[in-house]
Amino acid sequence: MPSSRPIPAYSSERWRTVRRWLNEHRHELGTLAADLYPQARRVVGTNLLCRDEWIPDEPLDLQHLTLNWTGYVPPPAVDGTGPASERVRPLCAGGAHYSTYAEALEAIDPPSLFENRLCYRILSADLSGPRRFIDFTRGRYFDGVNIGEALAHEFAATRLDDPEIHLHERLPLRSSVGDPCNLARRSVMPAITTLTLRHDRSGRVSFLLHWRDPAKVTHAGGLYQVMPSGMFQPIDSTLETEQSDLDIWRCMVREFSEEFLGSSEDYSGLGTPPDYGRWPFFRQLNEARYSGGLSVFCVGLGVDPLTMVADILTVAVFDSEIFDTIFEHLVAFNAEGRVISGPEAIGVPFTNEAILKFTDKAEPMQPAGAALLKLAWQHRRRLLAWRG
């Protein structure tokens, strides 16, 4: 527990103390935050919140999902700068509050990866109807931080002060946001979170996990996550690339390269707008996909109850020979944390026992990862239909 020594309410010292306590207790705080929404639907019994139309009855082949672009959208009703967020924006040197949570984080306790990059802001989605679409517009990474991490900080601070949390009385920012599944009221920059399955001809299936280092990442530090997982954003911040890069598969390939192989995020060699055909790794994964040795699905969309961050849930199923060739140099550590590769560096066995270990609160797993494991187990026959 943090020191009981009195600390001024809005001081940077108090803020840093709460921030670090938050990172040490994200798993339990996420469970408590989910309890604030008893009427919300949860994805396969996990803490990940959703709407009915966000979860398809069957895995959706990624090529059948339509992404729509909207050029202009009015500013959201809640952006994390109003009076409701003052408690999580401490006083800076001049005596005024930091203007945003991201500004405070950058000044007081910045993670090693912290850049206000162009992102895709999600507006609405329907993955179960006849059209199967997700609508997007322009956003910035800090727009999401100013809501998501501020909500988590507010919740942690309130738990430290008084374990009896009353939504409307003690959590003004969370109350102002309202329904976590209302994507229009705030800026929501989704992550693309992928469960990667390695499937061999004997029927053995395994998956990789990632432990997210709180010293390196802004969101979900100290938790396990399936991998790869990263913000849905264009390859660079140029307007020329913004619409051409609105492609989940392209983003997934970049995350495979960065998280599995420890590659750089510098893609300047592909030009502007980027020519992915010049990238051998992209061509290699594309060839695997179109030859049947790699299948990619979308299985849903959900919202984390603590941060209200959204995750687009995807599954990539690799033929083991292709997986072992492409990821021959799988790293043990990357820019965001540690890779849990299991025996023989092929991952954790994809079994009911292993899934329960990471979904029944025995291990500190992100809600999106827990939901993906359960959804994949539920749909395993469809996902593992041999395509090699």
Protein backbone atom coordinates (compact mmCIF):
# COMPACT_ATOMS: atom_id res chain seq x y z
CA MET A 1 0.00 0.00 0.00
CA PRO A 2 1.18 3.59 -0.60
CA SER A 3 2.41 5.59 2.37
CA SER A 4 -0.28 6.99 4.67
CA ARG A 5 1.67 10.24 5.07
CA PRO A 6 -0.63 13.15 4.15
CA ILE A 7 -0.03 14.41 0.61
CA PRO A 8 -1.66 17.52 -0.88
CA ALA A 9 -4.74 16.59 -2.89
CA TYR A 10 -3.55 17.82 -6.28
CA SER A 11 0.22 17.50 -5.89
CA SER A 12 2.41 15.76 -8.44
CA GLU A 13 3.70 13.54 -5.64
CA ARG A 14 0.22 12.32 -4.80
CA TRP A 15 -0.56 11.87 -8.48
CA ARG A 16 2.56 9.75 -9.03
CA THR A 17 1.74 7.62 -5.98
CA VAL A 18 -1.75 6.88 -7.27
CA ARG A 19 -0.46 6.21 -10.79
CA ARG A 20 2.01 3.62 -9.58
CA TRP A 21 -0.57 2.00 -7.29
CA LEU A 22 -2.90 1.83 -10.29
CA ASN A 23 -0.27 -0.04 -12.32
CA GLU A 24 0.22 -2.51 -9.46
CA HIS A 25 -3.52 -3.22 -9.12
CA ARG A 26 -5.00 -2.93 -12.62
CA HIS A 27 -6.34 -6.47 -12.64
CA GLU A 28 -8.37 -6.20 -9.45
CA LEU A 29 -9.44 -2.63 -10.26
CA GLY A 30 -10.71 -3.80 -13.65
CA THR A 31 -12.91 -6.41 -11.98
CA LEU A 32 -14.29 -3.81 -9.57
CA ALA A 33 -14.92 -1.36 -12.41
CA ALA A 34 -16.88 -3.99 -14.33
CA ASP A 35 -19.21 -4.32 -11.34
CA LEU A 36 -20.25 -0.70 -11.87
CA TYR A 37 -22.11 -1.82 -15.01
CA PRO A 38 -24.36 -4.72 -13.96
CA GLN A 39 -26.69 -4.23 -16.95
CA ALA A 40 -23.95 -4.29 -19.59
CA ARG A 41 -23.39 -7.40 -21.67
CA ARG A 42 -20.05 -9.10 -21.07
CA VAL A 43 -18.16 -11.01 -23.74
CA VAL A 44 -18.44 -14.75 -22.91
CA GLY A 45 -18.62 -14.04 -19.19
CA THR A 46 -15.40 -12.01 -18.97
CA ASN A 47 -15.07 -8.42 -17.77
CA LEU A 48 -14.97 -7.10 -21.35
CA LEU A 49 -18.13 -5.08 -22.03
CA CYS A 50 -19.97 -5.04 -25.35
CA ARG A 51 -23.18 -4.52 -27.27
CA ASP A 52 -25.08 -7.41 -28.82
CA GLU A 53 -24.22 -6.34 -32.36
CA TRP A 54 -20.48 -6.31 -31.64
CA ILE A 55 -20.15 -10.10 -31.30
CA PRO A 56 -20.77 -12.17 -34.46
CA ASP A 57 -22.28 -15.62 -34.09
CA GLU A 58 -19.34 -17.12 -35.99
CA PRO A 59 -15.77 -15.92 -36.64
CA LEU A 60 -15.85 -13.39 -39.45
CA ASP A 61 -13.22 -13.75 -42.16
CA LEU A 62 -11.35 -10.45 -42.07
CA GLN A 63 -11.90 -9.80 -45.77
CA HIS A 64 -15.66 -9.66 -45.15
CA LEU A 65 -15.41 -6.78 -42.67
CA THR A 66 -15.97 -3.30 -44.17
CA LEU A 67 -14.19 -0.26 -42.73
CA ASN A 68 -15.82 3.11 -43.44
CA TRP A 69 -14.18 6.54 -43.22
CA THR A 70 -15.85 9.78 -42.09
CA GLY A 71 -13.83 12.92 -42.73
CA TYR A 72 -15.37 15.26 -40.17
CA VAL A 73 -17.08 14.53 -36.86
CA PRO A 74 -17.99 17.15 -34.22
CA PRO A 75 -15.84 17.08 -31.07
CA PRO A 76 -17.01 14.55 -28.46
CA ALA A 77 -19.12 15.65 -25.51
CA VAL A 78 -16.43 14.54 -23.04
CA ASP A 79 -12.74 15.12 -23.81
CA GLY A 80 -11.12 14.95 -20.37
CA THR A 81 -10.42 18.67 -20.00
CA GLY A 82 -13.45 19.86 -18.02
CA PRO A 83 -14.05 20.25 -14.27
CA ALA A 84 -14.97 16.55 -13.94
CA SER A 85 -11.34 15.59 -14.60
CA GLU A 86 -9.64 18.12 -12.29
CA ARG A 87 -8.92 15.50 -9.64
CA VAL A 88 -6.70 13.54 -12.03
CA ARG A 89 -4.96 16.62 -13.43
CA PRO A 90 -2.57 17.76 -10.67
CA LEU A 91 -1.20 21.24 -10.11
CA CYS A 92 1.86 22.17 -12.13
CA ALA A 93 4.59 24.71 -11.30
CA GLY A 94 2.47 27.76 -12.09
CA GLY A 95 -0.30 26.72 -9.70
CA ALA A 96 -2.79 25.75 -12.40
CA HIS A 97 -3.92 22.24 -13.27
CA TYR A 98 -2.25 20.42 -16.12
CA SER A 99 -4.57 20.87 -19.06
CA THR A 100 -4.89 17.13 -19.81
CA TYR A 101 -4.01 13.78 -18.28
CA ALA A 102 -1.52 13.12 -21.09
CA GLU A 103 0.26 16.37 -20.30
CA ALA A 104 0.53 15.37 -16.64
CA LEU A 105 1.75 11.88 -17.51
CA GLU A 106 4.41 13.23 -19.85
CA ALA A 107 5.67 15.66 -17.20
CA ILE A 108 5.47 13.48 -14.07
CA ASP A 109 5.82 9.80 -14.91
CA PRO A 110 6.22 9.19 -18.65
CA PRO A 111 6.47 5.63 -20.01
CA SER A 112 9.25 4.94 -22.51
CA LEU A 113 6.72 4.72 -25.37
CA PHE A 114 4.66 7.91 -25.39
CA GLU A 115 3.93 9.76 -28.63
CA ASN A 116 0.82 11.59 -29.76
CA ARG A 117 0.53 9.76 -33.06
CA LEU A 118 -2.34 9.88 -35.51
CA CYS A 119 -4.87 7.12 -34.73
CA TYR A 120 -8.20 5.89 -36.02
CA ARG A 121 -11.10 6.88 -33.81
CA ILE A 122 -13.97 4.39 -33.82
CA LEU A 123 -17.49 5.79 -34.14
CA SER A 124 -19.82 2.79 -34.46
CA ALA A 125 -19.83 -0.88 -35.40
CA ASP A 126 -22.09 -3.78 -36.33
CA LEU A 127 -20.39 -7.17 -36.68
CA SER A 128 -23.49 -9.32 -36.54
CA GLY A 129 -25.79 -7.79 -39.15
CA PRO A 130 -25.74 -8.27 -42.90
CA ARG A 131 -23.29 -5.41 -43.59
CA ARG A 132 -20.53 -6.17 -40.99
CA PHE A 133 -18.90 -2.75 -40.69
CA ILE A 134 -16.89 -0.45 -38.42
CA ASP A 135 -16.97 3.35 -38.90
CA PHE A 136 -13.87 5.48 -38.22
CA THR A 137 -12.64 9.04 -38.26
CA ARG A 138 -9.44 10.86 -37.35
CA GLY A 139 -8.07 10.80 -33.81
CA ARG A 140 -4.89 11.23 -31.80
CA TYR A 141 -3.37 8.85 -29.29
CA PHE A 142 -3.46 11.38 -26.45
CA ASP A 143 -7.22 11.89 -27.02
CA GLY A 144 -7.68 8.32 -25.79
CA VAL A 145 -5.19 8.70 -22.94
CA ASN A 146 -6.99 11.82 -21.69
CA ILE A 147 -10.11 9.73 -21.13
CA GLY A 148 -8.98 6.13 -20.65
CA GLU A 149 -6.04 6.54 -18.30
CA ALA A 150 -7.78 9.41 -16.53
CA LEU A 151 -10.76 7.14 -15.81
CA ALA A 152 -8.47 4.43 -14.45
CA HIS A 153 -6.59 6.97 -12.31
CA GLU A 154 -9.82 8.42 -10.92
CA PHE A 155 -11.03 4.95 -9.99
CA ALA A 156 -7.73 4.04 -8.32
CA ALA A 157 -7.62 7.28 -6.34
CA THR A 158 -11.16 6.75 -5.11
CA ARG A 159 -10.40 3.17 -4.03
CA LEU A 160 -7.43 4.43 -2.04
CA ASP A 161 -9.56 7.07 -0.32
CA ASP A 162 -12.70 4.99 0.21
CA PRO A 163 -13.36 1.39 -0.92
CA GLU A 164 -17.09 2.12 -1.08
CA ILE A 165 -17.34 3.63 -4.55
CA HIS A 166 -20.53 5.39 -5.56
CA LEU A 167 -20.60 6.03 -9.29
CA HIS A 168 -22.25 9.42 -9.34
CA GLU A 169 -20.96 10.80 -6.05
CA ARG A 170 -17.26 9.91 -6.16
CA LEU A 171 -16.40 9.39 -9.84
CA PRO A 172 -17.35 12.61 -11.65
CA LEU A 173 -15.36 11.90 -14.82
CA ARG A 174 -16.72 8.37 -15.16
CA SER A 175 -20.22 9.66 -14.51
CA SER A 176 -19.82 12.30 -17.24
CA VAL A 177 -18.80 9.61 -19.75
CA GLY A 178 -21.79 7.42 -18.93
CA ASP A 179 -22.38 4.24 -20.93
CA PRO A 180 -18.97 2.63 -21.69
CA CYS A 181 -20.37 1.22 -24.93
CA ASN A 182 -21.48 4.61 -26.25
CA LEU A 183 -18.61 5.20 -28.67
CA ALA A 184 -19.82 8.62 -29.80
CA ARG A 185 -19.70 10.46 -26.46
CA ARG A 186 -15.89 10.29 -26.09
CA SER A 187 -12.87 9.73 -28.33
CA VAL A 188 -12.20 5.99 -28.53
CA MET A 189 -8.97 4.91 -30.21
CA PRO A 190 -9.23 1.12 -30.47
CA ALA A 191 -6.46 -1.42 -30.30
CA ILE A 192 -6.30 -4.38 -32.66
CA THR A 193 -5.77 -7.33 -30.34
CA THR A 194 -4.88 -10.64 -31.94
CA LEU A 195 -4.76 -14.16 -30.55
CA THR A 196 -2.10 -16.00 -32.56
CA LEU A 197 -2.59 -19.76 -32.78
CA ARG A 198 0.12 -22.14 -34.02
CA HIS A 199 -1.52 -25.30 -35.39
CA ASP A 200 0.45 -28.38 -36.45
CA ARG A 201 -0.67 -31.42 -38.41
CA SER A 202 -0.75 -33.61 -35.31
CA GLY A 203 -3.50 -31.35 -33.94
CA ARG A 204 -1.38 -29.53 -31.35
CA VAL A 205 -2.29 -25.88 -30.95
CA SER A 206 -0.49 -23.22 -28.92
CA PHE A 207 -0.57 -19.46 -28.41
CA LEU A 208 1.81 -16.72 -27.28
CA LEU A 209 1.33 -14.26 -24.44
CA HIS A 210 2.83 -10.88 -23.69
CA TRP A 211 3.54 -9.40 -20.26
CA ARG A 212 3.21 -5.64 -20.61
CA ASP A 213 5.90 -3.76 -18.70
CA PRO A 214 4.39 -0.75 -16.85
CA ALA A 215 7.69 1.13 -17.25
CA LYS A 216 7.36 0.92 -21.03
CA VAL A 217 3.65 1.22 -21.83
CA THR A 218 0.87 3.66 -21.00
CA HIS A 219 -2.06 1.24 -21.04
CA ALA A 220 -2.46 -2.07 -19.18
CA GLY A 221 0.99 -2.19 -17.61
CA GLY A 222 1.56 -5.22 -15.37
CA LEU A 223 -1.01 -7.39 -17.18
CA TYR A 224 -0.77 -10.33 -19.55
CA GLN A 225 -2.16 -9.97 -23.04
CA VAL A 226 -2.43 -12.12 -26.13
CA MET A 227 -0.17 -10.96 -28.92
CA PRO A 228 0.25 -9.02 -31.01
CA SER A 229 -1.79 -6.06 -29.81
CA GLY A 230 -1.45 -2.43 -30.75
CA MET A 231 -3.26 0.79 -31.49
CA PHE A 232 -5.09 0.94 -34.80
CA GLN A 233 -3.19 3.70 -36.54
CA PRO A 234 -1.69 4.51 -39.92
CA ILE A 235 1.94 3.68 -40.56
CA ASP A 236 2.86 7.37 -40.36
CA SER A 237 1.17 10.65 -39.45
CA THR A 238 0.85 12.09 -42.92
CA LEU A 239 -2.57 12.90 -44.29
CA GLU A 240 -1.63 11.12 -47.54
CA THR A 241 -1.45 7.84 -45.64
CA GLU A 242 -4.44 8.31 -43.35
CA GLN A 243 -7.17 6.88 -45.55
CA SER A 244 -5.07 4.47 -47.60
CA ASP A 245 -3.88 2.77 -44.41
CA LEU A 246 -7.35 2.22 -42.94
CA ASP A 247 -6.72 -1.53 -43.05
CA ILE A 248 -6.75 -3.92 -40.09
CA TRP A 249 -4.53 -6.46 -41.83
CA ARG A 250 -1.76 -3.95 -42.51
CA CYS A 251 -1.77 -2.88 -38.89
CA MET A 252 -1.66 -6.51 -37.73
CA VAL A 253 1.37 -7.23 -39.92
CA ARG A 254 3.26 -4.28 -38.44
CA GLU A 255 2.45 -5.51 -34.93
CA PHE A 256 3.64 -9.04 -35.80
CA SER A 257 6.93 -7.56 -36.94
CA GLU A 258 7.38 -5.30 -33.91
CA GLU A 259 6.20 -7.63 -31.13
CA PHE A 260 7.35 -11.03 -32.41
CA LEU A 261 10.60 -9.99 -34.06
CA GLY A 262 11.43 -6.80 -32.13
CA SER A 263 11.52 -4.75 -35.34
CA SER A 264 11.64 -0.98 -35.47
CA GLU A 265 8.56 1.19 -36.01
CA ASP A 266 10.44 3.10 -38.71
CA TYR A 267 8.76 2.31 -42.02
CA SER A 268 10.08 5.29 -43.95
CA GLY A 269 11.61 2.94 -46.52
CA LEU A 270 8.14 2.08 -47.81
CA GLY A 271 7.53 5.63 -49.04
CA THR A 272 4.55 7.98 -48.64
CA PRO A 273 1.90 6.75 -49.06
CA PRO A 274 3.49 3.40 -48.16
CA ASP A 275 4.01 0.67 -50.74
CA TYR A 276 3.63 -2.48 -48.66
CA GLY A 277 4.62 -4.58 -51.64
CA ARG A 278 8.21 -3.43 -51.11
CA TRP A 279 8.29 -5.03 -47.65
CA PRO A 280 9.43 -8.69 -47.74
CA PHE A 281 7.82 -9.52 -44.38
CA PHE A 282 4.44 -8.24 -45.56
CA ARG A 283 4.72 -10.22 -48.78
CA GLN A 284 5.63 -13.34 -46.78
CA LEU A 285 2.55 -13.06 -44.54
CA ASN A 286 0.32 -12.23 -47.50
CA GLU A 287 1.53 -15.31 -49.35
CA ALA A 288 0.83 -17.44 -46.27
CA ARG A 289 -2.66 -15.99 -46.01
CA TYR A 290 -3.60 -16.52 -49.62
CA SER A 291 -2.05 -20.00 -49.83
CA GLY A 292 -4.20 -21.21 -46.91
CA GLY A 293 -1.38 -21.52 -44.38
CA LEU A 294 -2.68 -18.52 -42.41
CA SER A 295 -6.30 -17.65 -41.66
CA VAL A 296 -7.37 -14.35 -40.10
CA PHE A 297 -10.71 -13.68 -38.42
CA CYS A 298 -12.53 -10.95 -36.50
CA VAL A 299 -14.50 -12.34 -33.56
CA GLY A 300 -15.78 -9.19 -31.89
CA LEU A 301 -15.37 -5.79 -30.35
CA GLY A 302 -15.33 -4.95 -26.64
CA VAL A 303 -14.64 -2.21 -24.09
CA ASP A 304 -12.36 -2.45 -21.06
CA PRO A 305 -14.39 -1.45 -17.96
CA LEU A 306 -11.51 0.30 -16.18
CA THR A 307 -10.23 2.49 -19.02
CA MET A 308 -13.12 2.22 -21.51
CA VAL A 309 -10.54 1.48 -24.19
CA ALA A 310 -11.96 -0.55 -27.08
CA ASP A 311 -10.37 -3.64 -28.63
CA ILE A 312 -11.07 -5.08 -32.06
CA LEU A 313 -10.73 -8.81 -31.39
CA THR A 314 -8.99 -10.87 -34.06
CA VAL A 315 -7.54 -14.38 -34.38
CA ALA A 316 -4.67 -15.47 -36.65
CA VAL A 317 -4.26 -19.23 -37.18
CA PHE A 318 -0.87 -20.31 -38.58
CA ASP A 319 0.21 -23.62 -40.03
CA SER A 320 3.10 -24.57 -37.69
CA GLU A 321 5.68 -24.86 -40.49
CA ILE A 322 4.87 -21.37 -41.75
CA PHE A 323 4.87 -19.98 -38.22
CA ASP A 324 8.25 -21.52 -37.41
CA THR A 325 9.78 -20.19 -40.62
CA ILE A 326 8.44 -16.65 -40.34
CA PHE A 327 9.13 -16.34 -36.61
CA GLU A 328 12.35 -18.32 -36.46
CA HIS A 329 13.92 -15.42 -34.58
CA LEU A 330 11.11 -14.87 -32.08
CA VAL A 331 12.31 -12.43 -29.40
CA ALA A 332 12.07 -12.93 -25.63
CA PHE A 333 11.67 -9.19 -24.96
CA ASN A 334 10.40 -6.30 -27.07
CA ALA A 335 9.74 -2.59 -26.71
CA GLU A 336 6.58 -3.20 -24.65
CA GLY A 337 7.47 -6.12 -22.40
CA ARG A 338 8.26 -9.83 -22.21
CA VAL A 339 7.13 -12.61 -24.57
CA ILE A 340 5.77 -15.76 -22.92
CA SER A 341 6.66 -18.40 -25.49
CA GLY A 342 6.27 -21.61 -23.46
CA PRO A 343 8.12 -24.88 -24.08
CA GLU A 344 10.18 -25.11 -27.28
CA ALA A 345 9.35 -21.44 -27.97
CA ILE A 346 6.07 -22.42 -29.62
CA GLY A 347 3.73 -20.97 -27.03
CA VAL A 348 1.32 -21.99 -24.30
CA PRO A 349 -0.78 -25.10 -25.11
CA PHE A 350 -4.22 -24.09 -26.35
CA THR A 351 -6.17 -26.22 -23.89
CA ASN A 352 -9.16 -25.63 -21.66
CA GLU A 353 -6.88 -25.85 -18.61
CA ALA A 354 -4.55 -23.13 -19.89
CA ILE A 355 -7.44 -20.91 -20.93
CA LEU A 356 -9.05 -21.18 -17.51
CA LYS A 357 -5.74 -20.23 -15.90
CA PHE A 358 -5.76 -16.90 -17.74
CA THR A 359 -9.49 -16.20 -17.66
CA ASP A 360 -10.65 -17.17 -14.17
CA LYS A 361 -8.66 -14.40 -12.42
CA ALA A 362 -5.81 -16.72 -11.40
CA GLU A 363 -3.49 -14.61 -13.58
CA PRO A 364 -3.63 -10.84 -14.22
CA MET A 365 -4.96 -10.90 -17.78
CA GLN A 366 -6.38 -7.99 -19.75
CA PRO A 367 -10.13 -8.35 -20.30
CA ALA A 368 -9.68 -8.28 -24.08
CA GLY A 369 -7.17 -11.13 -23.93
CA ALA A 370 -9.38 -13.19 -21.65
CA ALA A 371 -12.36 -12.62 -23.96
CA LEU A 372 -10.33 -13.60 -27.02
CA LEU A 373 -9.16 -16.85 -25.43
CA LYS A 374 -12.72 -17.78 -24.47
CA LEU A 375 -14.17 -16.82 -27.84
CA ALA A 376 -11.47 -18.78 -29.65
CA TRP A 377 -12.11 -21.83 -27.50
CA GLN A 378 -15.84 -21.52 -28.15
CA HIS A 379 -15.21 -21.32 -31.93
CA ARG A 380 -12.20 -23.65 -32.06
CA ARG A 381 -13.70 -26.07 -34.61
CA ARG A 382 -14.34 -23.26 -37.07
CA LEU A 383 -11.00 -21.56 -36.43
CA LEU A 384 -8.91 -24.73 -36.63
CA ALA A 385 -10.48 -26.21 -39.74
CA TRP A 386 -7.31 -27.34 -41.52
CA ARG A 387 -6.28 -25.07 -44.38
CA GLY A 388 -2.72 -26.22 -44.97
